[in-house]
Amino acid sequence: MEYIQQDLTQEFFSKLSLDGIYALDVLEHIDKENEHTFIKNLVNNLSKNGISVVGIPSLEFQQFSYPDNGHVNCKSGEELRQFMLNYFERVLMFSMTDEVVHTGFMKMSPYLFAVGMYLKPFR
C-alpha cells in the first residue's frame, strides 16, 4: 500500500489510475473557488471505468448544525448532482437519514451521497 499526502485544492499531475475514490465529509470544507480543482485532482487519478463517491451534509440541514462547523460549501442534492455531472456521464444520488441510506426525499435528509460513473473526457 502506498500513501500520498497532497493538497488537492492545488493543481498537481499525478496519474494513479485508481478504480475508486471516495471523499466523505471533505467537499463542504473546501471553498467554492477551489472545488473544481479539488474534484479534477480526484478524478484525474481514476481509471477509465473508475467511480467516485462524494458525501456531504445537505445544505437544507445546516440550520440544525453547530454554527462554527467549518462548512463553507454545502450543497442541495440537485446542486451536488449538477456539480458531479461536470465530470461524470452518470451520477446516482442517495441520501442518509439516521444511518439509513436511501433514495428518498433529499431535502429532508441530513447527508447526501453522489456516485459518479463514466468519466467525461475533460482531461
PDB file of N, CA and C in Angstrom:
ATOM      1  N   MET A   1       0.844  -1.162   0.000  1.00  0.00           N
ATOM      2  CA  MET A   1       0.000   0.000   0.000  1.00  0.00           C
ATOM      3  C   MET A   1       0.893   1.230   0.000  1.00  0.00           C
ATOM      4  N   GLU A   2       0.493   2.226  -0.737  1.00  0.00           N
ATOM      5  CA  GLU A   2       1.243   3.471  -0.832  1.00  0.00           C
ATOM      6  C   GLU A   2       0.361   4.620  -0.367  1.00  0.00           C
ATOM      7  N   TYR A   3       0.920   5.514   0.423  1.00  0.00           N
ATOM      8  CA  TYR A   3       0.204   6.690   0.903  1.00  0.00           C
ATOM      9  C   TYR A   3       0.826   7.929   0.293  1.00  0.00           C
ATOM     10  N   ILE A   4      -0.019   8.855  -0.143  1.00  0.00           N
ATOM     11  CA  ILE A   4       0.440  10.106  -0.723  1.00  0.00           C
ATOM     12  C   ILE A   4      -0.245  11.243   0.012  1.00  0.00           C
ATOM     13  N   GLN A   5       0.519  12.213   0.462  1.00  0.00           N
ATOM     14  CA  GLN A   5      -0.058  13.404   1.089  1.00  0.00           C
ATOM     15  C   GLN A   5      -0.005  14.523   0.066  1.00  0.00           C
ATOM     16  N   GLN A   6      -1.183  15.123  -0.207  1.00  0.00           N
ATOM     17  CA  GLN A   6      -1.262  16.152  -1.238  1.00  0.00           C
ATOM     18  C   GLN A   6      -2.416  17.090  -0.931  1.00  0.00           C
ATOM     19  N   ASP A   7      -2.208  18.374  -1.133  1.00  0.00           N
ATOM     20  CA  ASP A   7      -3.287  19.351  -1.034  1.00  0.00           C
ATOM     21  C   ASP A   7      -4.049  19.316  -2.352  1.00  0.00           C
ATOM     22  N   LEU A   8      -5.226  18.728  -2.349  1.00  0.00           N
ATOM     23  CA  LEU A   8      -5.988  18.553  -3.581  1.00  0.00           C
ATOM     24  C   LEU A   8      -6.653  19.832  -4.075  1.00  0.00           C
ATOM     25  N   THR A   9      -6.516  20.922  -3.351  1.00  0.00           N
ATOM     26  CA  THR A   9      -7.033  22.199  -3.853  1.00  0.00           C
ATOM     27  C   THR A   9      -5.978  22.922  -4.696  1.00  0.00           C
ATOM     28  N   GLN A  10      -4.783  22.348  -4.781  1.00  0.00           N
ATOM     29  CA  GLN A  10      -3.710  22.873  -5.619  1.00  0.00           C
ATOM     30  C   GLN A  10      -3.514  21.925  -6.804  1.00  0.00           C
ATOM     31  N   GLU A  11      -3.237  22.489  -7.978  1.00  0.00           N
ATOM     32  CA  GLU A  11      -3.008  21.657  -9.166  1.00  0.00           C
ATOM     33  C   GLU A  11      -1.834  20.715  -8.938  1.00  0.00           C
ATOM     34  N   PHE A  12      -2.018  19.454  -9.289  1.00  0.00           N
ATOM     35  CA  PHE A  12      -0.903  18.524  -9.320  1.00  0.00           C
ATOM     36  C   PHE A  12      -1.161  17.502 -10.402  1.00  0.00           C
ATOM     37  N   PHE A  13      -0.144  16.810 -10.830  1.00  0.00           N
ATOM     38  CA  PHE A  13      -0.253  15.995 -12.029  1.00  0.00           C
ATOM     39  C   PHE A  13       0.096  14.537 -11.780  1.00  0.00           C
ATOM     40  N   SER A  14      -0.495  13.963 -10.773  1.00  0.00           N
ATOM     41  CA  SER A  14      -0.316  12.537 -10.511  1.00  0.00           C
ATOM     42  C   SER A  14      -1.277  11.773 -11.411  1.00  0.00           C
ATOM     43  N   LYS A  15      -0.903  10.618 -11.816  1.00  0.00           N
ATOM     44  CA  LYS A  15      -1.775   9.779 -12.639  1.00  0.00           C
ATOM     45  C   LYS A  15      -1.723   8.365 -12.084  1.00  0.00           C
ATOM     46  N   LEU A  16      -2.630   8.066 -11.132  1.00  0.00           N
ATOM     47  CA  LEU A  16      -2.570   6.805 -10.415  1.00  0.00           C
ATOM     48  C   LEU A  16      -3.411   5.691 -11.026  1.00  0.00           C
ATOM     49  N   SER A  17      -4.436   6.006 -11.806  1.00  0.00           N
ATOM     50  CA  SER A  17      -5.327   5.024 -12.412  1.00  0.00           C
ATOM     51  C   SER A  17      -6.015   4.148 -11.354  1.00  0.00           C
ATOM     52  N   LEU A  18      -6.730   4.797 -10.462  1.00  0.00           N
ATOM     53  CA  LEU A  18      -7.446   4.116  -9.388  1.00  0.00           C
ATOM     54  C   LEU A  18      -8.825   3.675  -9.857  1.00  0.00           C
ATOM     55  N   ASP A  19      -9.331   2.582  -9.277  1.00  0.00           N
ATOM     56  CA  ASP A  19     -10.664   2.086  -9.640  1.00  0.00           C
ATOM     57  C   ASP A  19     -11.770   2.797  -8.887  1.00  0.00           C
ATOM     58  N   GLY A  20     -11.444   3.374  -7.758  1.00  0.00           N
ATOM     59  CA  GLY A  20     -12.450   4.071  -6.974  1.00  0.00           C
ATOM     60  C   GLY A  20     -11.825   5.102  -6.056  1.00  0.00           C
ATOM     61  N   ILE A  21     -12.546   6.184  -5.868  1.00  0.00           N
ATOM     62  CA  ILE A  21     -12.114   7.254  -4.968  1.00  0.00           C
ATOM     63  C   ILE A  21     -13.335   7.706  -4.190  1.00  0.00           C
ATOM     64  N   TYR A  22     -13.164   7.903  -2.891  1.00  0.00           N
ATOM     65  CA  TYR A  22     -14.260   8.465  -2.124  1.00  0.00           C
ATOM     66  C   TYR A  22     -13.760   9.640  -1.295  1.00  0.00           C
ATOM     67  N   ALA A  23     -14.642  10.591  -1.122  1.00  0.00           N
ATOM     68  CA  ALA A  23     -14.351  11.767  -0.295  1.00  0.00           C
ATOM     69  C   ALA A  23     -15.614  12.048   0.521  1.00  0.00           C
ATOM     70  N   LEU A  24     -15.603  11.603   1.764  1.00  0.00           N
ATOM     71  CA  LEU A  24     -16.739  11.832   2.652  1.00  0.00           C
ATOM     72  C   LEU A  24     -16.376  12.928   3.632  1.00  0.00           C
ATOM     73  N   ASP A  25     -17.264  13.876   3.797  1.00  0.00           N
ATOM     74  CA  ASP A  25     -17.071  14.996   4.722  1.00  0.00           C
ATOM     75  C   ASP A  25     -15.832  15.820   4.382  1.00  0.00           C
ATOM     76  N   VAL A  26     -15.602  16.038   3.097  1.00  0.00           N
ATOM     77  CA  VAL A  26     -14.463  16.844   2.650  1.00  0.00           C
ATOM     78  C   VAL A  26     -14.924  18.072   1.878  1.00  0.00           C
ATOM     79  N   LEU A  27     -15.755  17.886   0.859  1.00  0.00           N
ATOM     80  CA  LEU A  27     -16.130  18.968  -0.056  1.00  0.00           C
ATOM     81  C   LEU A  27     -16.733  20.171   0.665  1.00  0.00           C
ATOM     82  N   GLU A  28     -17.473  19.939   1.726  1.00  0.00           N
ATOM     83  CA  GLU A  28     -18.114  21.065   2.434  1.00  0.00           C
ATOM     84  C   GLU A  28     -17.106  21.967   3.146  1.00  0.00           C
ATOM     85  N   HIS A  29     -15.863  21.514   3.257  1.00  0.00           N
ATOM     86  CA  HIS A  29     -14.815  22.311   3.891  1.00  0.00           C
ATOM     87  C   HIS A  29     -13.914  23.016   2.873  1.00  0.00           C
ATOM     88  N   ILE A  30     -14.219  22.876   1.591  1.00  0.00           N
ATOM     89  CA  ILE A  30     -13.405  23.459   0.519  1.00  0.00           C
ATOM     90  C   ILE A  30     -14.161  24.648  -0.077  1.00  0.00           C
ATOM     91  N   ASP A  31     -13.491  25.786  -0.130  1.00  0.00           N
ATOM     92  CA  ASP A  31     -14.112  26.986  -0.705  1.00  0.00           C
ATOM     93  C   ASP A  31     -14.585  26.722  -2.130  1.00  0.00           C
ATOM     94  N   LYS A  32     -15.682  27.372  -2.508  1.00  0.00           N
ATOM     95  CA  LYS A  32     -16.253  27.172  -3.839  1.00  0.00           C
ATOM     96  C   LYS A  32     -15.241  27.447  -4.952  1.00  0.00           C
ATOM     97  N   GLU A  33     -14.355  28.429  -4.752  1.00  0.00           N
ATOM     98  CA  GLU A  33     -13.388  28.737  -5.809  1.00  0.00           C
ATOM     99  C   GLU A  33     -12.352  27.626  -6.005  1.00  0.00           C
ATOM    100  N   ASN A  34     -12.246  26.717  -5.063  1.00  0.00           N
ATOM    101  CA  ASN A  34     -11.299  25.600  -5.173  1.00  0.00           C
ATOM    102  C   ASN A  34     -11.958  24.254  -5.448  1.00  0.00           C
ATOM    103  N   GLU A  35     -13.294  24.205  -5.484  1.00  0.00           N
ATOM    104  CA  GLU A  35     -13.976  22.920  -5.583  1.00  0.00           C
ATOM    105  C   GLU A  35     -13.711  22.200  -6.900  1.00  0.00           C
ATOM    106  N   HIS A  36     -13.600  22.927  -7.999  1.00  0.00           N
ATOM    107  CA  HIS A  36     -13.357  22.259  -9.277  1.00  0.00           C
ATOM    108  C   HIS A  36     -11.933  21.715  -9.354  1.00  0.00           C
ATOM    109  N   THR A  37     -10.972  22.434  -8.817  1.00  0.00           N
ATOM    110  CA  THR A  37      -9.594  21.920  -8.772  1.00  0.00           C
ATOM    111  C   THR A  37      -9.543  20.658  -7.928  1.00  0.00           C
ATOM    112  N   PHE A  38     -10.233  20.672  -6.800  1.00  0.00           N
ATOM    113  CA  PHE A  38     -10.276  19.511  -5.920  1.00  0.00           C
ATOM    114  C   PHE A  38     -10.818  18.282  -6.650  1.00  0.00           C
ATOM    115  N   ILE A  39     -11.979  18.418  -7.278  1.00  0.00           N
ATOM    116  CA  ILE A  39     -12.596  17.273  -7.957  1.00  0.00           C
ATOM    117  C   ILE A  39     -11.764  16.843  -9.160  1.00  0.00           C
ATOM    118  N   LYS A  40     -11.222  17.793  -9.909  1.00  0.00           N
ATOM    119  CA  LYS A  40     -10.363  17.424 -11.044  1.00  0.00           C
ATOM    120  C   LYS A  40      -9.170  16.597 -10.581  1.00  0.00           C
ATOM    121  N   ASN A  41      -8.557  16.999  -9.479  1.00  0.00           N
ATOM    122  CA  ASN A  41      -7.429  16.237  -8.948  1.00  0.00           C
ATOM    123  C   ASN A  41      -7.843  14.828  -8.553  1.00  0.00           C
ATOM    124  N   LEU A  42      -9.042  14.684  -8.024  1.00  0.00           N
ATOM    125  CA  LEU A  42      -9.529  13.340  -7.692  1.00  0.00           C
ATOM    126  C   LEU A  42      -9.762  12.512  -8.953  1.00  0.00           C
ATOM    127  N   VAL A  43     -10.573  13.031  -9.853  1.00  0.00           N
ATOM    128  CA  VAL A  43     -10.994  12.219 -10.998  1.00  0.00           C
ATOM    129  C   VAL A  43      -9.888  12.019 -12.016  1.00  0.00           C
ATOM    130  N   ASN A  44      -8.884  12.890 -12.046  1.00  0.00           N
ATOM    131  CA  ASN A  44      -7.753  12.673 -12.946  1.00  0.00           C
ATOM    132  C   ASN A  44      -6.948  11.446 -12.544  1.00  0.00           C
ATOM    133  N   ASN A  45      -7.187  10.930 -11.368  1.00  0.00           N
ATOM    134  CA  ASN A  45      -6.496   9.735 -10.897  1.00  0.00           C
ATOM    135  C   ASN A  45      -7.368   8.486 -10.986  1.00  0.00           C
ATOM    136  N   LEU A  46      -8.531   8.611 -11.606  1.00  0.00           N
ATOM    137  CA  LEU A  46      -9.410   7.457 -11.795  1.00  0.00           C
ATOM    138  C   LEU A  46      -9.095   6.752 -13.106  1.00  0.00           C
ATOM    139  N   SER A  47      -9.247   5.437 -13.108  1.00  0.00           N
ATOM    140  CA  SER A  47      -9.147   4.684 -14.359  1.00  0.00           C
ATOM    141  C   SER A  47     -10.384   5.007 -15.205  1.00  0.00           C
ATOM    142  N   LYS A  48     -10.358   4.572 -16.448  1.00  0.00           N
ATOM    143  CA  LYS A  48     -11.455   4.868 -17.379  1.00  0.00           C
ATOM    144  C   LYS A  48     -12.815   4.461 -16.818  1.00  0.00           C
ATOM    145  N   ASN A  49     -12.879   3.323 -16.146  1.00  0.00           N
ATOM    146  CA  ASN A  49     -14.135   2.817 -15.601  1.00  0.00           C
ATOM    147  C   ASN A  49     -14.246   3.013 -14.093  1.00  0.00           C
ATOM    148  N   GLY A  50     -13.429   3.901 -13.535  1.00  0.00           N
ATOM    149  CA  GLY A  50     -13.461   4.145 -12.094  1.00  0.00           C
ATOM    150  C   GLY A  50     -14.706   4.894 -11.660  1.00  0.00           C
ATOM    151  N   ILE A  51     -15.009   4.796 -10.373  1.00  0.00           N
ATOM    152  CA  ILE A  51     -16.155   5.514  -9.817  1.00  0.00           C
ATOM    153  C   ILE A  51     -15.689   6.384  -8.658  1.00  0.00           C
ATOM    154  N   SER A  52     -16.470   7.397  -8.381  1.00  0.00           N
ATOM    155  CA  SER A  52     -16.162   8.300  -7.274  1.00  0.00           C
ATOM    156  C   SER A  52     -17.404   8.459  -6.406  1.00  0.00           C
ATOM    157  N   VAL A  53     -17.204   8.424  -5.093  1.00  0.00           N
ATOM    158  CA  VAL A  53     -18.292   8.644  -4.141  1.00  0.00           C
ATOM    159  C   VAL A  53     -17.953   9.886  -3.338  1.00  0.00           C
ATOM    160  N   VAL A  54     -18.831  10.869  -3.397  1.00  0.00           N
ATOM    161  CA  VAL A  54     -18.656  12.109  -2.645  1.00  0.00           C
ATOM    162  C   VAL A  54     -19.838  12.230  -1.696  1.00  0.00           C
ATOM    163  N   GLY A  55     -19.553  12.477  -0.422  1.00  0.00           N
ATOM    164  CA  GLY A  55     -20.604  12.628   0.577  1.00  0.00           C
ATOM    165  C   GLY A  55     -20.439  13.933   1.323  1.00  0.00           C
ATOM    166  N   ILE A  56     -21.560  14.650   1.494  1.00  0.00           N
ATOM    167  CA  ILE A  56     -21.545  15.931   2.208  1.00  0.00           C
ATOM    168  C   ILE A  56     -22.828  16.096   3.023  1.00  0.00           C
ATOM    169  N   PRO A  57     -22.778  16.900   4.080  1.00  0.00           N
ATOM    170  CA  PRO A  57     -24.014  17.271   4.766  1.00  0.00           C
ATOM    171  C   PRO A  57     -24.870  18.107   3.814  1.00  0.00           C
ATOM    172  N   SER A  58     -26.154  17.925   3.858  1.00  0.00           N
ATOM    173  CA  SER A  58     -27.034  18.673   2.953  1.00  0.00           C
ATOM    174  C   SER A  58     -27.124  20.138   3.354  1.00  0.00           C
ATOM    175  N   LEU A  59     -27.322  20.973   2.355  1.00  0.00           N
ATOM    176  CA  LEU A  59     -27.484  22.409   2.580  1.00  0.00           C
ATOM    177  C   LEU A  59     -28.699  22.679   3.466  1.00  0.00           C
ATOM    178  N   GLU A  60     -29.778  21.956   3.223  1.00  0.00           N
ATOM    179  CA  GLU A  60     -31.019  22.174   3.971  1.00  0.00           C
ATOM    180  C   GLU A  60     -30.859  21.859   5.458  1.00  0.00           C
ATOM    181  N   PHE A  61     -29.967  20.953   5.802  1.00  0.00           N
ATOM    182  CA  PHE A  61     -29.813  20.525   7.187  1.00  0.00           C
ATOM    183  C   PHE A  61     -28.912  21.451   7.993  1.00  0.00           C
ATOM    184  N   GLN A  62     -28.249  22.391   7.358  1.00  0.00           N
ATOM    185  CA  GLN A  62     -27.290  23.249   8.056  1.00  0.00           C
ATOM    186  C   GLN A  62     -27.934  24.100   9.140  1.00  0.00           C
ATOM    187  N   GLN A  63     -29.206  24.397   9.008  1.00  0.00           N
ATOM    188  CA  GLN A  63     -29.880  25.179  10.041  1.00  0.00           C
ATOM    189  C   GLN A  63     -29.954  24.446  11.378  1.00  0.00           C
ATOM    190  N   PHE A  64     -29.746  23.129  11.360  1.00  0.00           N
ATOM    191  CA  PHE A  64     -29.777  22.329  12.583  1.00  0.00           C
ATOM    192  C   PHE A  64     -28.383  21.958  13.086  1.00  0.00           C
ATOM    193  N   SER A  65     -27.342  22.430  12.401  1.00  0.00           N
ATOM    194  CA  SER A  65     -25.959  22.097  12.752  1.00  0.00           C
ATOM    195  C   SER A  65     -25.354  23.169  13.648  1.00  0.00           C
ATOM    196  N   TYR A  66     -24.198  22.837  14.218  1.00  0.00           N
ATOM    197  CA  TYR A  66     -23.459  23.817  15.006  1.00  0.00           C
ATOM    198  C   TYR A  66     -23.048  24.975  14.110  1.00  0.00           C
ATOM    199  N   PRO A  67     -23.096  26.206  14.598  1.00  0.00           N
ATOM    200  CA  PRO A  67     -22.804  27.368  13.752  1.00  0.00           C
ATOM    201  C   PRO A  67     -21.347  27.432  13.274  1.00  0.00           C
ATOM    202  N   ASP A  68     -20.402  26.968  14.041  1.00  0.00           N
ATOM    203  CA  ASP A  68     -18.984  27.041  13.647  1.00  0.00           C
ATOM    204  C   ASP A  68     -18.445  25.668  13.263  1.00  0.00           C
ATOM    205  N   ASN A  69     -19.123  25.001  12.350  1.00  0.00           N
ATOM    206  CA  ASN A  69     -18.728  23.644  11.970  1.00  0.00           C
ATOM    207  C   ASN A  69     -17.710  23.616  10.828  1.00  0.00           C
ATOM    208  N   GLY A  70     -17.333  24.767  10.312  1.00  0.00           N
ATOM    209  CA  GLY A  70     -16.355  24.829   9.231  1.00  0.00           C
ATOM    210  C   GLY A  70     -16.921  24.533   7.852  1.00  0.00           C
ATOM    211  N   HIS A  71     -18.232  24.401   7.746  1.00  0.00           N
ATOM    212  CA  HIS A  71     -18.845  24.112   6.454  1.00  0.00           C
ATOM    213  C   HIS A  71     -18.986  25.400   5.654  1.00  0.00           C
ATOM    214  N   VAL A  72     -18.250  25.464   4.563  1.00  0.00           N
ATOM    215  CA  VAL A  72     -18.284  26.655   3.711  1.00  0.00           C
ATOM    216  C   VAL A  72     -18.854  26.347   2.328  1.00  0.00           C
ATOM    217  N   ASN A  73     -19.219  25.082   2.084  1.00  0.00           N
ATOM    218  CA  ASN A  73     -19.611  24.702   0.732  1.00  0.00           C
ATOM    219  C   ASN A  73     -20.615  23.552   0.728  1.00  0.00           C
ATOM    220  N   CYS A  74     -21.660  23.657   1.517  1.00  0.00           N
ATOM    221  CA  CYS A  74     -22.707  22.625   1.477  1.00  0.00           C
ATOM    222  C   CYS A  74     -23.566  22.845   0.243  1.00  0.00           C
ATOM    223  N   LYS A  75     -24.170  21.783  -0.232  1.00  0.00           N
ATOM    224  CA  LYS A  75     -24.990  21.843  -1.437  1.00  0.00           C
ATOM    225  C   LYS A  75     -26.303  21.104  -1.208  1.00  0.00           C
ATOM    226  N   SER A  76     -27.295  21.478  -1.973  1.00  0.00           N
ATOM    227  CA  SER A  76     -28.525  20.696  -2.008  1.00  0.00           C
ATOM    228  C   SER A  76     -28.244  19.445  -2.839  1.00  0.00           C
ATOM    229  N   GLY A  77     -29.156  18.508  -2.818  1.00  0.00           N
ATOM    230  CA  GLY A  77     -28.981  17.301  -3.610  1.00  0.00           C
ATOM    231  C   GLY A  77     -28.830  17.597  -5.085  1.00  0.00           C
ATOM    232  N   GLU A  78     -29.646  18.487  -5.605  1.00  0.00           N
ATOM    233  CA  GLU A  78     -29.572  18.822  -7.028  1.00  0.00           C
ATOM    234  C   GLU A  78     -28.287  19.590  -7.357  1.00  0.00           C
ATOM    235  N   GLU A  79     -27.834  20.456  -6.456  1.00  0.00           N
ATOM    236  CA  GLU A  79     -26.567  21.167  -6.688  1.00  0.00           C
ATOM    237  C   GLU A  79     -25.390  20.193  -6.727  1.00  0.00           C
ATOM    238  N   LEU A  80     -25.385  19.219  -5.817  1.00  0.00           N
ATOM    239  CA  LEU A  80     -24.311  18.225  -5.808  1.00  0.00           C
ATOM    240  C   LEU A  80     -24.359  17.383  -7.075  1.00  0.00           C
ATOM    241  N   ARG A  81     -25.541  16.996  -7.494  1.00  0.00           N
ATOM    242  CA  ARG A  81     -25.700  16.211  -8.722  1.00  0.00           C
ATOM    243  C   ARG A  81     -25.179  16.987  -9.931  1.00  0.00           C
ATOM    244  N   GLN A  82     -25.576  18.235 -10.055  1.00  0.00           N
ATOM    245  CA  GLN A  82     -25.129  19.063 -11.185  1.00  0.00           C
ATOM    246  C   GLN A  82     -23.618  19.268 -11.163  1.00  0.00           C
ATOM    247  N   PHE A  83     -23.065  19.466  -9.984  1.00  0.00           N
ATOM    248  CA  PHE A  83     -21.620  19.626  -9.846  1.00  0.00           C
ATOM    249  C   PHE A  83     -20.887  18.381 -10.349  1.00  0.00           C
ATOM    250  N   MET A  84     -21.341  17.214  -9.923  1.00  0.00           N
ATOM    251  CA  MET A  84     -20.700  15.966 -10.332  1.00  0.00           C
ATOM    252  C   MET A  84     -20.909  15.663 -11.819  1.00  0.00           C
ATOM    253  N   LEU A  85     -22.011  16.137 -12.392  1.00  0.00           N
ATOM    254  CA  LEU A  85     -22.255  15.924 -13.823  1.00  0.00           C
ATOM    255  C   LEU A  85     -21.265  16.689 -14.700  1.00  0.00           C
ATOM    256  N   ASN A  86     -20.517  17.613 -14.138  1.00  0.00           N
ATOM    257  CA  ASN A  86     -19.441  18.264 -14.891  1.00  0.00           C
ATOM    258  C   ASN A  86     -18.347  17.268 -15.249  1.00  0.00           C
ATOM    259  N   TYR A  87     -18.241  16.185 -14.498  1.00  0.00           N
ATOM    260  CA  TYR A  87     -17.124  15.257 -14.620  1.00  0.00           C
ATOM    261  C   TYR A  87     -17.532  13.833 -14.982  1.00  0.00           C
ATOM    262  N   PHE A  88     -18.802  13.489 -14.761  1.00  0.00           N
ATOM    263  CA  PHE A  88     -19.272  12.126 -14.982  1.00  0.00           C
ATOM    264  C   PHE A  88     -20.515  12.129 -15.858  1.00  0.00           C
ATOM    265  N   GLU A  89     -20.627  11.093 -16.693  1.00  0.00           N
ATOM    266  CA  GLU A  89     -21.818  10.933 -17.534  1.00  0.00           C
ATOM    267  C   GLU A  89     -23.043  10.557 -16.708  1.00  0.00           C
ATOM    268  N   ARG A  90     -22.836   9.774 -15.656  1.00  0.00           N
ATOM    269  CA  ARG A  90     -23.934   9.320 -14.797  1.00  0.00           C
ATOM    270  C   ARG A  90     -23.597   9.639 -13.347  1.00  0.00           C
ATOM    271  N   VAL A  91     -24.603  10.134 -12.640  1.00  0.00           N
ATOM    272  CA  VAL A  91     -24.451  10.401 -11.209  1.00  0.00           C
ATOM    273  C   VAL A  91     -25.676   9.839 -10.503  1.00  0.00           C
ATOM    274  N   LEU A  92     -25.452   8.911  -9.595  1.00  0.00           N
ATOM    275  CA  LEU A  92     -26.531   8.353  -8.778  1.00  0.00           C
ATOM    276  C   LEU A  92     -26.540   9.087  -7.453  1.00  0.00           C
ATOM    277  N   MET A  93     -27.691   9.548  -7.035  1.00  0.00           N
ATOM    278  CA  MET A  93     -27.815  10.297  -5.787  1.00  0.00           C
ATOM    279  C   MET A  93     -28.497   9.442  -4.724  1.00  0.00           C
ATOM    280  N   PHE A  94     -27.942   9.512  -3.519  1.00  0.00           N
ATOM    281  CA  PHE A  94     -28.506   8.855  -2.354  1.00  0.00           C
ATOM    282  C   PHE A  94     -28.482   9.846  -1.207  1.00  0.00           C
ATOM    283  N   SER A  95     -29.345   9.629  -0.254  1.00  0.00           N
ATOM    284  CA  SER A  95     -29.314  10.451   0.947  1.00  0.00           C
ATOM    285  C   SER A  95     -29.348   9.529   2.159  1.00  0.00           C
ATOM    286  N   MET A  96     -29.005  10.095   3.300  1.00  0.00           N
ATOM    287  CA  MET A  96     -28.937   9.282   4.506  1.00  0.00           C
ATOM    288  C   MET A  96     -29.657  10.003   5.645  1.00  0.00           C
ATOM    289  N   THR A  97     -30.492   9.259   6.317  1.00  0.00           N
ATOM    290  CA  THR A  97     -31.193   9.737   7.493  1.00  0.00           C
ATOM    291  C   THR A  97     -31.084   8.659   8.563  1.00  0.00           C
ATOM    292  N   ASP A  98     -30.601   9.040   9.730  1.00  0.00           N
ATOM    293  CA  ASP A  98     -30.472   8.086  10.843  1.00  0.00           C
ATOM    294  C   ASP A  98     -29.758   6.809  10.429  1.00  0.00           C
ATOM    295  N   GLU A  99     -28.609   6.945   9.781  1.00  0.00           N
ATOM    296  CA  GLU A  99     -27.763   5.840   9.353  1.00  0.00           C
ATOM    297  C   GLU A  99     -28.416   4.914   8.329  1.00  0.00           C
ATOM    298  N   VAL A 100     -29.482   5.347   7.687  1.00  0.00           N
ATOM    299  CA  VAL A 100     -30.134   4.569   6.644  1.00  0.00           C
ATOM    300  C   VAL A 100     -29.927   5.301   5.319  1.00  0.00           C
ATOM    301  N   VAL A 101     -29.248   4.643   4.382  1.00  0.00           N
ATOM    302  CA  VAL A 101     -29.032   5.225   3.061  1.00  0.00           C
ATOM    303  C   VAL A 101     -30.228   4.871   2.188  1.00  0.00           C
ATOM    304  N   HIS A 102     -30.749   5.876   1.477  1.00  0.00           N
ATOM    305  CA  HIS A 102     -31.958   5.669   0.684  1.00  0.00           C
ATOM    306  C   HIS A 102     -31.980   6.612  -0.506  1.00  0.00           C
ATOM    307  N   THR A 103     -32.983   6.470  -1.322  1.00  0.00           N
ATOM    308  CA  THR A 103     -33.175   7.351  -2.473  1.00  0.00           C
ATOM    309  C   THR A 103     -34.366   8.276  -2.241  1.00  0.00           C
ATOM    310  N   GLY A 104     -34.722   8.466  -1.003  1.00  0.00           N
ATOM    311  CA  GLY A 104     -35.901   9.261  -0.646  1.00  0.00           C
ATOM    312  C   GLY A 104     -35.732  10.751  -0.866  1.00  0.00           C
ATOM    313  N   PHE A 105     -36.626  11.511  -0.309  1.00  0.00           N
ATOM    314  CA  PHE A 105     -36.706  12.951  -0.496  1.00  0.00           C
ATOM    315  C   PHE A 105     -35.467  13.624   0.093  1.00  0.00           C
ATOM    316  N   MET A 106     -34.579  14.101  -0.767  1.00  0.00           N
ATOM    317  CA  MET A 106     -33.282  14.616  -0.324  1.00  0.00           C
ATOM    318  C   MET A 106     -33.368  15.861   0.547  1.00  0.00           C
ATOM    319  N   LYS A 107     -34.361  16.676   0.338  1.00  0.00           N
ATOM    320  CA  LYS A 107     -34.454  17.934   1.099  1.00  0.00           C
ATOM    321  C   LYS A 107     -34.725  17.700   2.585  1.00  0.00           C
ATOM    322  N   MET A 108     -35.111  16.493   2.940  1.00  0.00           N
ATOM    323  CA  MET A 108     -35.364  16.182   4.346  1.00  0.00           C
ATOM    324  C   MET A 108     -34.247  15.349   4.963  1.00  0.00           C
ATOM    325  N   SER A 109     -33.184  15.111   4.213  1.00  0.00           N
ATOM    326  CA  SER A 109     -32.090  14.262   4.695  1.00  0.00           C
ATOM    327  C   SER A 109     -30.899  15.107   5.128  1.00  0.00           C
ATOM    328  N   PRO A 110     -30.246  14.711   6.198  1.00  0.00           N
ATOM    329  CA  PRO A 110     -29.090  15.478   6.664  1.00  0.00           C
ATOM    330  C   PRO A 110     -27.806  15.217   5.880  1.00  0.00           C
ATOM    331  N   TYR A 111     -27.730  14.120   5.118  1.00  0.00           N
ATOM    332  CA  TYR A 111     -26.482  13.777   4.440  1.00  0.00           C
ATOM    333  C   TYR A 111     -26.764  13.280   3.029  1.00  0.00           C
ATOM    334  N   LEU A 112     -25.884  13.631   2.092  1.00  0.00           N
ATOM    335  CA  LEU A 112     -26.044  13.280   0.689  1.00  0.00           C
ATOM    336  C   LEU A 112     -24.826  12.525   0.165  1.00  0.00           C
ATOM    337  N   PHE A 113     -25.077  11.591  -0.749  1.00  0.00           N
ATOM    338  CA  PHE A 113     -24.019  10.872  -1.449  1.00  0.00           C
ATOM    339  C   PHE A 113     -24.238  11.031  -2.948  1.00  0.00           C
ATOM    340  N   ALA A 114     -23.160  11.293  -3.675  1.00  0.00           N
ATOM    341  CA  ALA A 114     -23.198  11.298  -5.137  1.00  0.00           C
ATOM    342  C   ALA A 114     -22.194  10.261  -5.623  1.00  0.00           C
ATOM    343  N   VAL A 115     -22.668   9.319  -6.433  1.00  0.00           N
ATOM    344  CA  VAL A 115     -21.806   8.291  -7.004  1.00  0.00           C
ATOM    345  C   VAL A 115     -21.638   8.622  -8.482  1.00  0.00           C
ATOM    346  N   GLY A 116     -20.421   9.019  -8.862  1.00  0.00           N
ATOM    347  CA  GLY A 116     -20.130   9.382 -10.243  1.00  0.00           C
ATOM    348  C   GLY A 116     -19.539   8.211 -10.999  1.00  0.00           C
ATOM    349  N   MET A 117     -20.075   7.964 -12.214  1.00  0.00           N
ATOM    350  CA  MET A 117     -19.615   6.865 -13.064  1.00  0.00           C
ATOM    351  C   MET A 117     -19.460   7.351 -14.493  1.00  0.00           C
ATOM    352  N   TYR A 118     -18.599   6.700 -15.255  1.00  0.00           N
ATOM    353  CA  TYR A 118     -18.351   7.008 -16.660  1.00  0.00           C
ATOM    354  C   TYR A 118     -17.808   8.435 -16.811  1.00  0.00           C
ATOM    355  N   LEU A 119     -16.533   8.554 -16.593  1.00  0.00           N
ATOM    356  CA  LEU A 119     -15.862   9.849 -16.678  1.00  0.00           C
ATOM    357  C   LEU A 119     -16.113  10.525 -18.015  1.00  0.00           C
ATOM    358  N   LYS A 120     -16.339  11.819 -17.961  1.00  0.00           N
ATOM    359  CA  LYS A 120     -16.407  12.605 -19.189  1.00  0.00           C
ATOM    360  C   LYS A 120     -14.979  12.878 -19.667  1.00  0.00           C
ATOM    361  N   PRO A 121     -14.787  13.023 -20.953  1.00  0.00           N
ATOM    362  CA  PRO A 121     -13.427  13.238 -21.483  1.00  0.00           C
ATOM    363  C   PRO A 121     -12.986  14.694 -21.368  1.00  0.00           C
ATOM    364  N   PHE A 122     -12.856  15.191 -20.159  1.00  0.00           N
ATOM    365  CA  PHE A 122     -12.455  16.583 -19.933  1.00  0.00           C
ATOM    366  C   PHE A 122     -10.957  16.735 -19.760  1.00  0.00           C
ATOM    367  N   ARG A 123     -10.262  15.647 -19.527  1.00  0.00           N
ATOM    368  CA  ARG A 123      -8.852  15.718 -19.136  1.00  0.00           C
ATOM    369  C   ARG A 123      -7.962  16.086 -20.290  1.00  0.00           C
TER     370      ARG A 123
END
